Amino acid sequence: MDTTRIELLQSMPVFGAIGEDTLQFLLEQARPRVVRAGAFFFRENDPAGSMFVLEAGRVAVVKNWRGRDHVVHRLAAGDCFGEMALMDLFPRSASVRAETDCHAIELAAADLLRLFERDAEQFALIQMNIGREVCRRLRATDELLFRTRMGEIPLEREQLFRAA
């Protein structure tokens, strides 16, 4: 049993209340990924079908705007990314670039399908947890947009010129 990885997963909201045996099953399906500093886990608009749990390292979540990359968020060991792919099956909404050498666990949609076939209740709980995490991020984004619109957070210079 991979105790360290199971403890890492148990500390994450996406895997909250998931049994040890289920986490072990998922880890047996998962693939380890090593991504060197400066390389991408994936790029915006790539086909999506997996999520990543960052075991070591730091990454930047990057959106391209008018030909320039902009960091919208940074993540570190213990964070996950790409989980929207397991819910909506749309292309990637952002790029994720390694800022340092990274070690991650990749879980594919097919891995969750195997879990569904084994234990539908644990599968449903993970899906609900992912939904909650996506909703938390949406709430934070809504708040940021609202505060920006109300003038509490200054607009970037290029936004000021566009509005004129």
N, C-alpha and C. Protein backbone atom coordinates (compact mmCIF):
# COMPACT_ATOMS: atom_id res chain seq x y z
N MET A 1 0.85 -1.19 0.00
CA MET A 1 0.00 0.00 0.00
C MET A 1 0.89 1.24 0.00
N ASP A 2 0.52 2.23 -0.77
CA ASP A 2 1.28 3.48 -0.91
C ASP A 2 0.73 4.51 0.07
N THR A 3 1.16 4.43 1.33
CA THR A 3 0.63 5.25 2.41
C THR A 3 0.82 6.74 2.16
N THR A 4 1.99 7.14 1.68
CA THR A 4 2.27 8.57 1.47
C THR A 4 1.31 9.16 0.44
N ARG A 5 1.13 8.47 -0.67
CA ARG A 5 0.22 8.97 -1.71
C ARG A 5 -1.23 8.96 -1.24
N ILE A 6 -1.61 7.95 -0.50
CA ILE A 6 -2.99 7.89 0.02
C ILE A 6 -3.22 9.05 0.98
N GLU A 7 -2.27 9.35 1.84
CA GLU A 7 -2.40 10.49 2.75
C GLU A 7 -2.49 11.80 1.98
N LEU A 8 -1.71 11.93 0.91
CA LEU A 8 -1.79 13.13 0.07
C LEU A 8 -3.19 13.28 -0.49
N LEU A 9 -3.73 12.22 -1.07
CA LEU A 9 -5.08 12.29 -1.64
C LEU A 9 -6.12 12.59 -0.57
N GLN A 10 -6.01 11.97 0.59
CA GLN A 10 -6.98 12.19 1.66
C GLN A 10 -6.98 13.64 2.14
N SER A 11 -5.88 14.35 1.96
CA SER A 11 -5.80 15.75 2.40
C SER A 11 -6.44 16.71 1.40
N MET A 12 -6.86 16.21 0.25
CA MET A 12 -7.40 17.06 -0.81
C MET A 12 -8.92 17.04 -0.82
N PRO A 13 -9.56 18.20 -1.05
CA PRO A 13 -11.02 18.23 -1.09
C PRO A 13 -11.63 17.29 -2.12
N VAL A 14 -10.97 17.09 -3.25
CA VAL A 14 -11.53 16.24 -4.31
C VAL A 14 -11.68 14.78 -3.85
N PHE A 15 -10.83 14.38 -2.90
CA PHE A 15 -10.88 13.00 -2.43
C PHE A 15 -11.36 12.89 -0.98
N GLY A 16 -12.03 13.95 -0.50
CA GLY A 16 -12.57 13.93 0.85
C GLY A 16 -13.57 12.79 1.04
N ALA A 17 -13.45 12.08 2.16
CA ALA A 17 -14.35 10.98 2.56
C ALA A 17 -14.26 9.76 1.65
N ILE A 18 -13.22 9.67 0.85
CA ILE A 18 -13.03 8.50 -0.02
C ILE A 18 -12.22 7.47 0.77
N GLY A 19 -12.66 6.22 0.72
CA GLY A 19 -12.02 5.15 1.47
C GLY A 19 -10.62 4.83 0.99
N GLU A 20 -9.79 4.33 1.92
CA GLU A 20 -8.41 3.97 1.59
C GLU A 20 -8.35 2.94 0.48
N ASP A 21 -9.24 1.96 0.51
CA ASP A 21 -9.22 0.92 -0.52
C ASP A 21 -9.52 1.50 -1.89
N THR A 22 -10.41 2.49 -1.94
CA THR A 22 -10.74 3.14 -3.21
C THR A 22 -9.56 3.96 -3.71
N LEU A 23 -8.90 4.67 -2.80
CA LEU A 23 -7.73 5.47 -3.19
C LEU A 23 -6.61 4.55 -3.69
N GLN A 24 -6.42 3.43 -3.04
CA GLN A 24 -5.41 2.47 -3.49
C GLN A 24 -5.76 1.96 -4.89
N PHE A 25 -7.04 1.67 -5.12
CA PHE A 25 -7.50 1.23 -6.43
C PHE A 25 -7.19 2.29 -7.49
N LEU A 26 -7.48 3.55 -7.19
CA LEU A 26 -7.20 4.63 -8.14
C LEU A 26 -5.71 4.78 -8.40
N LEU A 27 -4.91 4.66 -7.35
CA LEU A 27 -3.45 4.78 -7.52
C LEU A 27 -2.90 3.65 -8.39
N GLU A 28 -3.50 2.48 -8.31
CA GLU A 28 -3.07 1.37 -9.16
C GLU A 28 -3.37 1.64 -10.64
N GLN A 29 -4.41 2.43 -10.90
CA GLN A 29 -4.78 2.79 -12.27
C GLN A 29 -3.96 3.98 -12.79
N ALA A 30 -3.56 4.85 -11.88
CA ALA A 30 -2.94 6.12 -12.23
C ALA A 30 -1.54 5.93 -12.82
N ARG A 31 -1.11 6.98 -13.53
CA ARG A 31 0.22 7.01 -14.11
C ARG A 31 1.04 8.13 -13.45
N PRO A 32 2.28 7.82 -13.05
CA PRO A 32 3.14 8.89 -12.55
C PRO A 32 3.61 9.75 -13.72
N ARG A 33 3.69 11.04 -13.50
CA ARG A 33 4.17 11.97 -14.53
C ARG A 33 5.27 12.83 -13.95
N VAL A 34 6.35 12.95 -14.69
CA VAL A 34 7.44 13.87 -14.35
C VAL A 34 7.48 14.91 -15.45
N VAL A 35 7.38 16.18 -15.06
CA VAL A 35 7.43 17.28 -16.02
C VAL A 35 8.52 18.23 -15.55
N ARG A 36 9.46 18.49 -16.42
CA ARG A 36 10.60 19.34 -16.08
C ARG A 36 10.20 20.82 -16.09
N ALA A 37 10.93 21.62 -15.33
CA ALA A 37 10.69 23.06 -15.26
C ALA A 37 10.64 23.66 -16.65
N GLY A 38 9.62 24.46 -16.91
CA GLY A 38 9.45 25.12 -18.20
C GLY A 38 8.60 24.34 -19.19
N ALA A 39 8.42 23.05 -18.95
CA ALA A 39 7.59 22.23 -19.84
C ALA A 39 6.13 22.29 -19.40
N PHE A 40 5.24 21.87 -20.28
CA PHE A 40 3.81 21.94 -20.02
C PHE A 40 3.23 20.56 -19.70
N PHE A 41 2.34 20.53 -18.72
CA PHE A 41 1.52 19.33 -18.51
C PHE A 41 0.54 19.22 -19.67
N PHE A 42 -0.06 20.36 -20.01
CA PHE A 42 -0.95 20.45 -21.17
C PHE A 42 -1.11 21.92 -21.52
N ARG A 43 -1.63 22.15 -22.73
CA ARG A 43 -1.84 23.52 -23.20
C ARG A 43 -3.32 23.82 -23.40
N GLU A 44 -3.63 25.09 -23.27
CA GLU A 44 -4.99 25.57 -23.50
C GLU A 44 -5.50 25.04 -24.85
N ASN A 45 -6.71 24.54 -24.86
CA ASN A 45 -7.41 23.98 -26.03
C ASN A 45 -6.97 22.57 -26.41
N ASP A 46 -6.01 21.98 -25.69
CA ASP A 46 -5.69 20.57 -25.93
C ASP A 46 -6.91 19.72 -25.59
N PRO A 47 -7.05 18.57 -26.22
CA PRO A 47 -8.10 17.64 -25.79
C PRO A 47 -7.85 17.25 -24.32
N ALA A 48 -8.93 17.06 -23.58
CA ALA A 48 -8.80 16.78 -22.15
C ALA A 48 -9.40 15.42 -21.82
N GLY A 49 -8.82 14.78 -20.83
CA GLY A 49 -9.36 13.50 -20.41
C GLY A 49 -8.76 13.01 -19.11
N SER A 50 -8.00 13.88 -18.44
CA SER A 50 -7.40 13.46 -17.18
C SER A 50 -7.18 14.65 -16.27
N MET A 51 -6.97 14.35 -15.01
CA MET A 51 -6.61 15.35 -14.00
C MET A 51 -5.27 14.96 -13.40
N PHE A 52 -4.67 15.89 -12.69
CA PHE A 52 -3.36 15.67 -12.11
C PHE A 52 -3.37 16.05 -10.63
N VAL A 53 -2.67 15.27 -9.84
CA VAL A 53 -2.42 15.58 -8.44
C VAL A 53 -0.93 15.86 -8.33
N LEU A 54 -0.60 17.06 -7.91
CA LEU A 54 0.80 17.48 -7.84
C LEU A 54 1.42 16.96 -6.54
N GLU A 55 2.39 16.06 -6.68
CA GLU A 55 3.09 15.50 -5.52
C GLU A 55 4.27 16.37 -5.09
N ALA A 56 4.96 16.94 -6.06
CA ALA A 56 6.13 17.77 -5.77
C ALA A 56 6.27 18.79 -6.88
N GLY A 57 6.70 20.01 -6.50
CA GLY A 57 6.93 21.05 -7.48
C GLY A 57 5.88 22.14 -7.43
N ARG A 58 6.03 23.09 -8.36
CA ARG A 58 5.10 24.21 -8.50
C ARG A 58 4.76 24.38 -9.97
N VAL A 59 3.50 24.75 -10.23
CA VAL A 59 3.06 24.99 -11.60
C VAL A 59 2.36 26.34 -11.69
N ALA A 60 2.30 26.86 -12.91
CA ALA A 60 1.54 28.08 -13.19
C ALA A 60 0.40 27.71 -14.12
N VAL A 61 -0.79 28.19 -13.79
CA VAL A 61 -1.95 28.06 -14.67
C VAL A 61 -1.93 29.31 -15.55
N VAL A 62 -1.92 29.10 -16.87
CA VAL A 62 -1.67 30.19 -17.81
C VAL A 62 -2.79 30.26 -18.84
N LYS A 63 -3.26 31.49 -19.10
CA LYS A 63 -4.22 31.76 -20.17
C LYS A 63 -3.54 32.65 -21.19
N ASN A 64 -3.83 32.40 -22.45
CA ASN A 64 -3.29 33.23 -23.51
C ASN A 64 -4.31 34.29 -23.88
N TRP A 65 -3.84 35.53 -23.96
CA TRP A 65 -4.70 36.65 -24.33
C TRP A 65 -3.94 37.53 -25.30
N ARG A 66 -4.48 37.64 -26.51
CA ARG A 66 -3.87 38.48 -27.55
C ARG A 66 -2.41 38.13 -27.77
N GLY A 67 -2.14 36.84 -27.82
CA GLY A 67 -0.80 36.37 -28.12
C GLY A 67 0.18 36.37 -26.96
N ARG A 68 -0.28 36.74 -25.77
CA ARG A 68 0.60 36.76 -24.60
C ARG A 68 0.06 35.83 -23.53
N ASP A 69 0.97 35.11 -22.88
CA ASP A 69 0.59 34.24 -21.77
C ASP A 69 0.50 35.05 -20.49
N HIS A 70 -0.55 34.79 -19.72
CA HIS A 70 -0.77 35.46 -18.43
C HIS A 70 -1.00 34.40 -17.37
N VAL A 71 -0.23 34.47 -16.30
CA VAL A 71 -0.41 33.54 -15.18
C VAL A 71 -1.65 33.97 -14.40
N VAL A 72 -2.59 33.05 -14.27
CA VAL A 72 -3.82 33.36 -13.54
C VAL A 72 -3.84 32.71 -12.16
N HIS A 73 -2.96 31.73 -11.95
CA HIS A 73 -2.94 31.05 -10.66
C HIS A 73 -1.65 30.24 -10.56
N ARG A 74 -1.20 30.02 -9.35
CA ARG A 74 -0.06 29.14 -9.11
C ARG A 74 -0.49 28.04 -8.15
N LEU A 75 0.02 26.84 -8.38
CA LEU A 75 -0.31 25.69 -7.55
C LEU A 75 0.96 25.02 -7.08
N ALA A 76 0.87 24.33 -5.94
CA ALA A 76 2.03 23.65 -5.36
C ALA A 76 1.65 22.23 -4.97
N ALA A 77 2.64 21.51 -4.46
CA ALA A 77 2.41 20.13 -4.03
C ALA A 77 1.17 20.05 -3.14
N GLY A 78 0.34 19.05 -3.43
CA GLY A 78 -0.90 18.88 -2.69
C GLY A 78 -2.11 19.46 -3.40
N ASP A 79 -1.88 20.20 -4.48
CA ASP A 79 -2.98 20.74 -5.27
C ASP A 79 -3.28 19.82 -6.44
N CYS A 80 -4.48 19.97 -6.98
CA CYS A 80 -4.82 19.22 -8.20
C CYS A 80 -5.26 20.20 -9.27
N PHE A 81 -5.18 19.76 -10.52
CA PHE A 81 -5.61 20.58 -11.64
C PHE A 81 -6.05 19.67 -12.77
N GLY A 82 -6.86 20.25 -13.65
CA GLY A 82 -7.37 19.49 -14.78
C GLY A 82 -8.63 18.71 -14.48
N GLU A 83 -9.16 18.86 -13.27
CA GLU A 83 -10.32 18.06 -12.88
C GLU A 83 -11.59 18.40 -13.66
N MET A 84 -11.65 19.61 -14.23
CA MET A 84 -12.82 19.95 -15.05
C MET A 84 -12.96 18.96 -16.21
N ALA A 85 -11.83 18.43 -16.68
CA ALA A 85 -11.84 17.47 -17.79
C ALA A 85 -12.64 16.22 -17.46
N LEU A 86 -12.68 15.87 -16.17
CA LEU A 86 -13.41 14.68 -15.76
C LEU A 86 -14.91 14.94 -15.64
N MET A 87 -15.29 16.21 -15.72
CA MET A 87 -16.71 16.57 -15.60
C MET A 87 -17.31 16.94 -16.95
N ASP A 88 -16.62 17.77 -17.72
CA ASP A 88 -17.27 18.32 -18.92
C ASP A 88 -16.73 17.78 -20.25
N LEU A 89 -15.56 17.15 -20.25
CA LEU A 89 -14.96 16.57 -21.45
C LEU A 89 -14.71 17.58 -22.57
N PHE A 90 -14.61 18.87 -22.22
CA PHE A 90 -14.28 19.92 -23.18
C PHE A 90 -12.77 20.06 -23.26
N PRO A 91 -12.26 20.75 -24.27
CA PRO A 91 -10.81 21.00 -24.33
C PRO A 91 -10.33 21.78 -23.10
N ARG A 92 -9.04 21.73 -22.86
CA ARG A 92 -8.45 22.42 -21.71
C ARG A 92 -8.75 23.91 -21.76
N SER A 93 -9.13 24.48 -20.62
CA SER A 93 -9.48 25.89 -20.55
C SER A 93 -8.26 26.77 -20.29
N ALA A 94 -7.14 26.18 -19.94
CA ALA A 94 -5.91 26.92 -19.67
C ALA A 94 -4.74 25.97 -19.87
N SER A 95 -3.55 26.54 -19.90
CA SER A 95 -2.33 25.74 -19.93
C SER A 95 -1.82 25.59 -18.51
N VAL A 96 -1.08 24.52 -18.26
CA VAL A 96 -0.41 24.35 -16.97
C VAL A 96 1.06 24.07 -17.26
N ARG A 97 1.91 25.00 -16.79
CA ARG A 97 3.35 24.94 -17.05
C ARG A 97 4.10 24.70 -15.72
N ALA A 98 5.04 23.79 -15.75
CA ALA A 98 5.86 23.52 -14.57
C ALA A 98 6.82 24.68 -14.33
N GLU A 99 6.80 25.24 -13.13
CA GLU A 99 7.75 26.29 -12.77
C GLU A 99 9.02 25.69 -12.18
N THR A 100 8.88 24.51 -11.61
CA THR A 100 10.01 23.73 -11.11
C THR A 100 9.81 22.31 -11.65
N ASP A 101 10.80 21.46 -11.47
CA ASP A 101 10.60 20.05 -11.82
C ASP A 101 9.43 19.53 -10.98
N CYS A 102 8.52 18.82 -11.63
CA CYS A 102 7.30 18.37 -10.96
C CYS A 102 7.11 16.86 -11.06
N HIS A 103 6.53 16.32 -10.01
CA HIS A 103 6.09 14.93 -9.98
C HIS A 103 4.60 14.97 -9.70
N ALA A 104 3.84 14.25 -10.53
CA ALA A 104 2.39 14.27 -10.39
C ALA A 104 1.82 12.88 -10.63
N ILE A 105 0.59 12.72 -10.19
CA ILE A 105 -0.19 11.51 -10.44
C ILE A 105 -1.26 11.90 -11.45
N GLU A 106 -1.33 11.18 -12.55
CA GLU A 106 -2.35 11.45 -13.57
C GLU A 106 -3.48 10.43 -13.46
N LEU A 107 -4.69 10.94 -13.30
CA LEU A 107 -5.89 10.11 -13.26
C LEU A 107 -6.73 10.43 -14.48
N ALA A 108 -7.01 9.42 -15.28
CA ALA A 108 -7.79 9.61 -16.51
C ALA A 108 -9.27 9.32 -16.25
N ALA A 109 -10.10 9.83 -17.14
CA ALA A 109 -11.54 9.55 -17.07
C ALA A 109 -11.79 8.04 -17.09
N ALA A 110 -10.99 7.30 -17.84
CA ALA A 110 -11.14 5.85 -17.90
C ALA A 110 -10.88 5.20 -16.54
N ASP A 111 -9.97 5.80 -15.75
CA ASP A 111 -9.71 5.29 -14.40
C ASP A 111 -10.95 5.42 -13.52
N LEU A 112 -11.61 6.56 -13.67
CA LEU A 112 -12.84 6.77 -12.89
C LEU A 112 -13.96 5.86 -13.38
N LEU A 113 -13.99 5.58 -14.67
CA LEU A 113 -14.99 4.64 -15.19
C LEU A 113 -14.79 3.26 -14.56
N ARG A 114 -13.54 2.84 -14.43
CA ARG A 114 -13.27 1.56 -13.77
C ARG A 114 -13.72 1.60 -12.31
N LEU A 115 -13.54 2.75 -11.66
CA LEU A 115 -14.02 2.89 -10.28
C LEU A 115 -15.55 2.80 -10.25
N PHE A 116 -16.22 3.44 -11.20
CA PHE A 116 -17.68 3.37 -11.27
C PHE A 116 -18.14 1.91 -11.36
N GLU A 117 -17.46 1.14 -12.19
CA GLU A 117 -17.81 -0.28 -12.35
C GLU A 117 -17.57 -1.07 -11.07
N ARG A 118 -16.61 -0.63 -10.28
CA ARG A 118 -16.25 -1.32 -9.03
C ARG A 118 -17.09 -0.86 -7.85
N ASP A 119 -17.30 0.49 -7.75
CA ASP A 119 -17.97 1.06 -6.58
C ASP A 119 -18.63 2.38 -6.97
N ALA A 120 -19.87 2.30 -7.40
CA ALA A 120 -20.59 3.49 -7.90
C ALA A 120 -20.73 4.56 -6.83
N GLU A 121 -20.85 4.17 -5.57
CA GLU A 121 -21.02 5.16 -4.50
C GLU A 121 -19.76 6.01 -4.33
N GLN A 122 -18.59 5.37 -4.32
CA GLN A 122 -17.34 6.12 -4.19
C GLN A 122 -17.10 6.99 -5.43
N PHE A 123 -17.44 6.47 -6.60
CA PHE A 123 -17.35 7.24 -7.85
C PHE A 123 -18.21 8.50 -7.74
N ALA A 124 -19.46 8.33 -7.29
CA ALA A 124 -20.37 9.48 -7.18
C ALA A 124 -19.84 10.51 -6.19
N LEU A 125 -19.25 10.05 -5.11
CA LEU A 125 -18.71 10.97 -4.11
C LEU A 125 -17.56 11.79 -4.70
N ILE A 126 -16.69 11.14 -5.46
CA ILE A 126 -15.61 11.89 -6.11
C ILE A 126 -16.17 12.92 -7.09
N GLN A 127 -17.17 12.53 -7.88
CA GLN A 127 -17.78 13.47 -8.82
C GLN A 127 -18.40 14.66 -8.07
N MET A 128 -19.07 14.39 -6.95
CA MET A 128 -19.65 15.48 -6.15
C MET A 128 -18.55 16.37 -5.58
N ASN A 129 -17.46 15.77 -5.13
CA ASN A 129 -16.34 16.55 -4.60
C ASN A 129 -15.73 17.44 -5.68
N ILE A 130 -15.58 16.90 -6.87
CA ILE A 130 -15.05 17.71 -7.98
C ILE A 130 -16.02 18.85 -8.27
N GLY A 131 -17.30 18.56 -8.30
CA GLY A 131 -18.30 19.60 -8.52
C GLY A 131 -18.21 20.69 -7.47
N ARG A 132 -18.04 20.31 -6.20
CA ARG A 132 -17.90 21.31 -5.12
C ARG A 132 -16.66 22.16 -5.32
N GLU A 133 -15.56 21.53 -5.71
CA GLU A 133 -14.31 22.27 -5.92
C GLU A 133 -14.46 23.26 -7.08
N VAL A 134 -15.07 22.84 -8.16
CA VAL A 134 -15.30 23.73 -9.29
C VAL A 134 -16.22 24.87 -8.88
N CYS A 135 -17.24 24.58 -8.08
CA CYS A 135 -18.14 25.64 -7.59
C CYS A 135 -17.41 26.64 -6.70
N ARG A 136 -16.52 26.15 -5.82
CA ARG A 136 -15.73 27.06 -4.98
C ARG A 136 -14.91 28.01 -5.84
N ARG A 137 -14.31 27.47 -6.89
CA ARG A 137 -13.50 28.31 -7.78
C ARG A 137 -14.38 29.29 -8.54
N LEU A 138 -15.56 28.87 -8.95
CA LEU A 138 -16.49 29.76 -9.64
C LEU A 138 -16.94 30.89 -8.72
N ARG A 139 -17.23 30.58 -7.48
CA ARG A 139 -17.61 31.63 -6.51
C ARG A 139 -16.49 32.66 -6.35
N ALA A 140 -15.25 32.19 -6.23
CA ALA A 140 -14.13 33.11 -6.08
C ALA A 140 -13.98 33.98 -7.32
N THR A 141 -14.16 33.40 -8.49
CA THR A 141 -14.06 34.15 -9.74
C THR A 141 -15.19 35.17 -9.85
N ASP A 142 -16.41 34.76 -9.50
CA ASP A 142 -17.54 35.69 -9.51
C ASP A 142 -17.28 36.88 -8.60
N GLU A 143 -16.74 36.61 -7.41
CA GLU A 143 -16.44 37.69 -6.47
C GLU A 143 -15.39 38.63 -7.04
N LEU A 144 -14.37 38.09 -7.64
CA LEU A 144 -13.32 38.90 -8.24
C LEU A 144 -13.88 39.76 -9.38
N LEU A 145 -14.68 39.16 -10.23
CA LEU A 145 -15.31 39.92 -11.32
C LEU A 145 -16.19 41.04 -10.78
N PHE A 146 -16.98 40.73 -9.77
CA PHE A 146 -17.87 41.75 -9.19
C PHE A 146 -17.07 42.89 -8.59
N ARG A 147 -16.03 42.57 -7.81
CA ARG A 147 -15.23 43.62 -7.18
C ARG A 147 -14.52 44.47 -8.22
N THR A 148 -14.08 43.84 -9.31
CA THR A 148 -13.44 44.60 -10.38
C THR A 148 -14.45 45.53 -11.02
N ARG A 149 -15.64 45.01 -11.29
CA ARG A 149 -16.69 45.83 -11.92
C ARG A 149 -17.10 47.01 -11.04
N MET A 150 -17.08 46.81 -9.73
CA MET A 150 -17.46 47.87 -8.79
C MET A 150 -16.32 48.85 -8.53
N GLY A 151 -15.16 48.60 -9.14
CA GLY A 151 -14.04 49.52 -9.01
C GLY A 151 -13.17 49.27 -7.80
N GLU A 152 -13.45 48.24 -7.06
CA GLU A 152 -12.63 47.95 -5.87
C GLU A 152 -11.26 47.43 -6.27
N ILE A 153 -11.20 46.67 -7.35
CA ILE A 153 -9.94 46.15 -7.86
C ILE A 153 -9.67 46.86 -9.17
N PRO A 154 -8.55 47.59 -9.29
CA PRO A 154 -8.28 48.36 -10.51
C PRO A 154 -8.17 47.48 -11.74
N LEU A 155 -8.68 47.98 -12.83
CA LEU A 155 -8.56 47.28 -14.11
C LEU A 155 -7.13 47.41 -14.61
N GLU A 156 -6.70 46.43 -15.36
CA GLU A 156 -5.38 46.52 -15.97
C GLU A 156 -5.41 47.59 -17.05
N ARG A 157 -4.26 48.13 -17.37
CA ARG A 157 -4.14 49.24 -18.31
C ARG A 157 -4.78 48.91 -19.66
N GLU A 158 -4.54 47.70 -20.18
CA GLU A 158 -5.10 47.35 -21.50
C GLU A 158 -6.62 47.28 -21.44
N GLN A 159 -7.20 46.94 -20.28
CA GLN A 159 -8.66 46.91 -20.16
C GLN A 159 -9.20 48.35 -20.21
N LEU A 160 -8.47 49.30 -19.62
CA LEU A 160 -8.91 50.70 -19.64
C LEU A 160 -8.98 51.22 -21.08
N PHE A 161 -7.97 50.90 -21.89
CA PHE A 161 -7.97 51.37 -23.27
C PHE A 161 -9.07 50.72 -24.09
N ARG A 162 -9.36 49.47 -23.83
CA ARG A 162 -10.39 48.77 -24.56
C ARG A 162 -11.77 49.36 -24.27
N ALA A 163 -11.98 49.77 -23.03
CA ALA A 163 -13.29 50.29 -22.62
C ALA A 163 -13.55 51.67 -23.19
N ALA A 164 -12.50 52.41 -23.54
CA ALA A 164 -12.65 53.80 -24.00
C ALA A 164 -13.20 53.88 -25.40
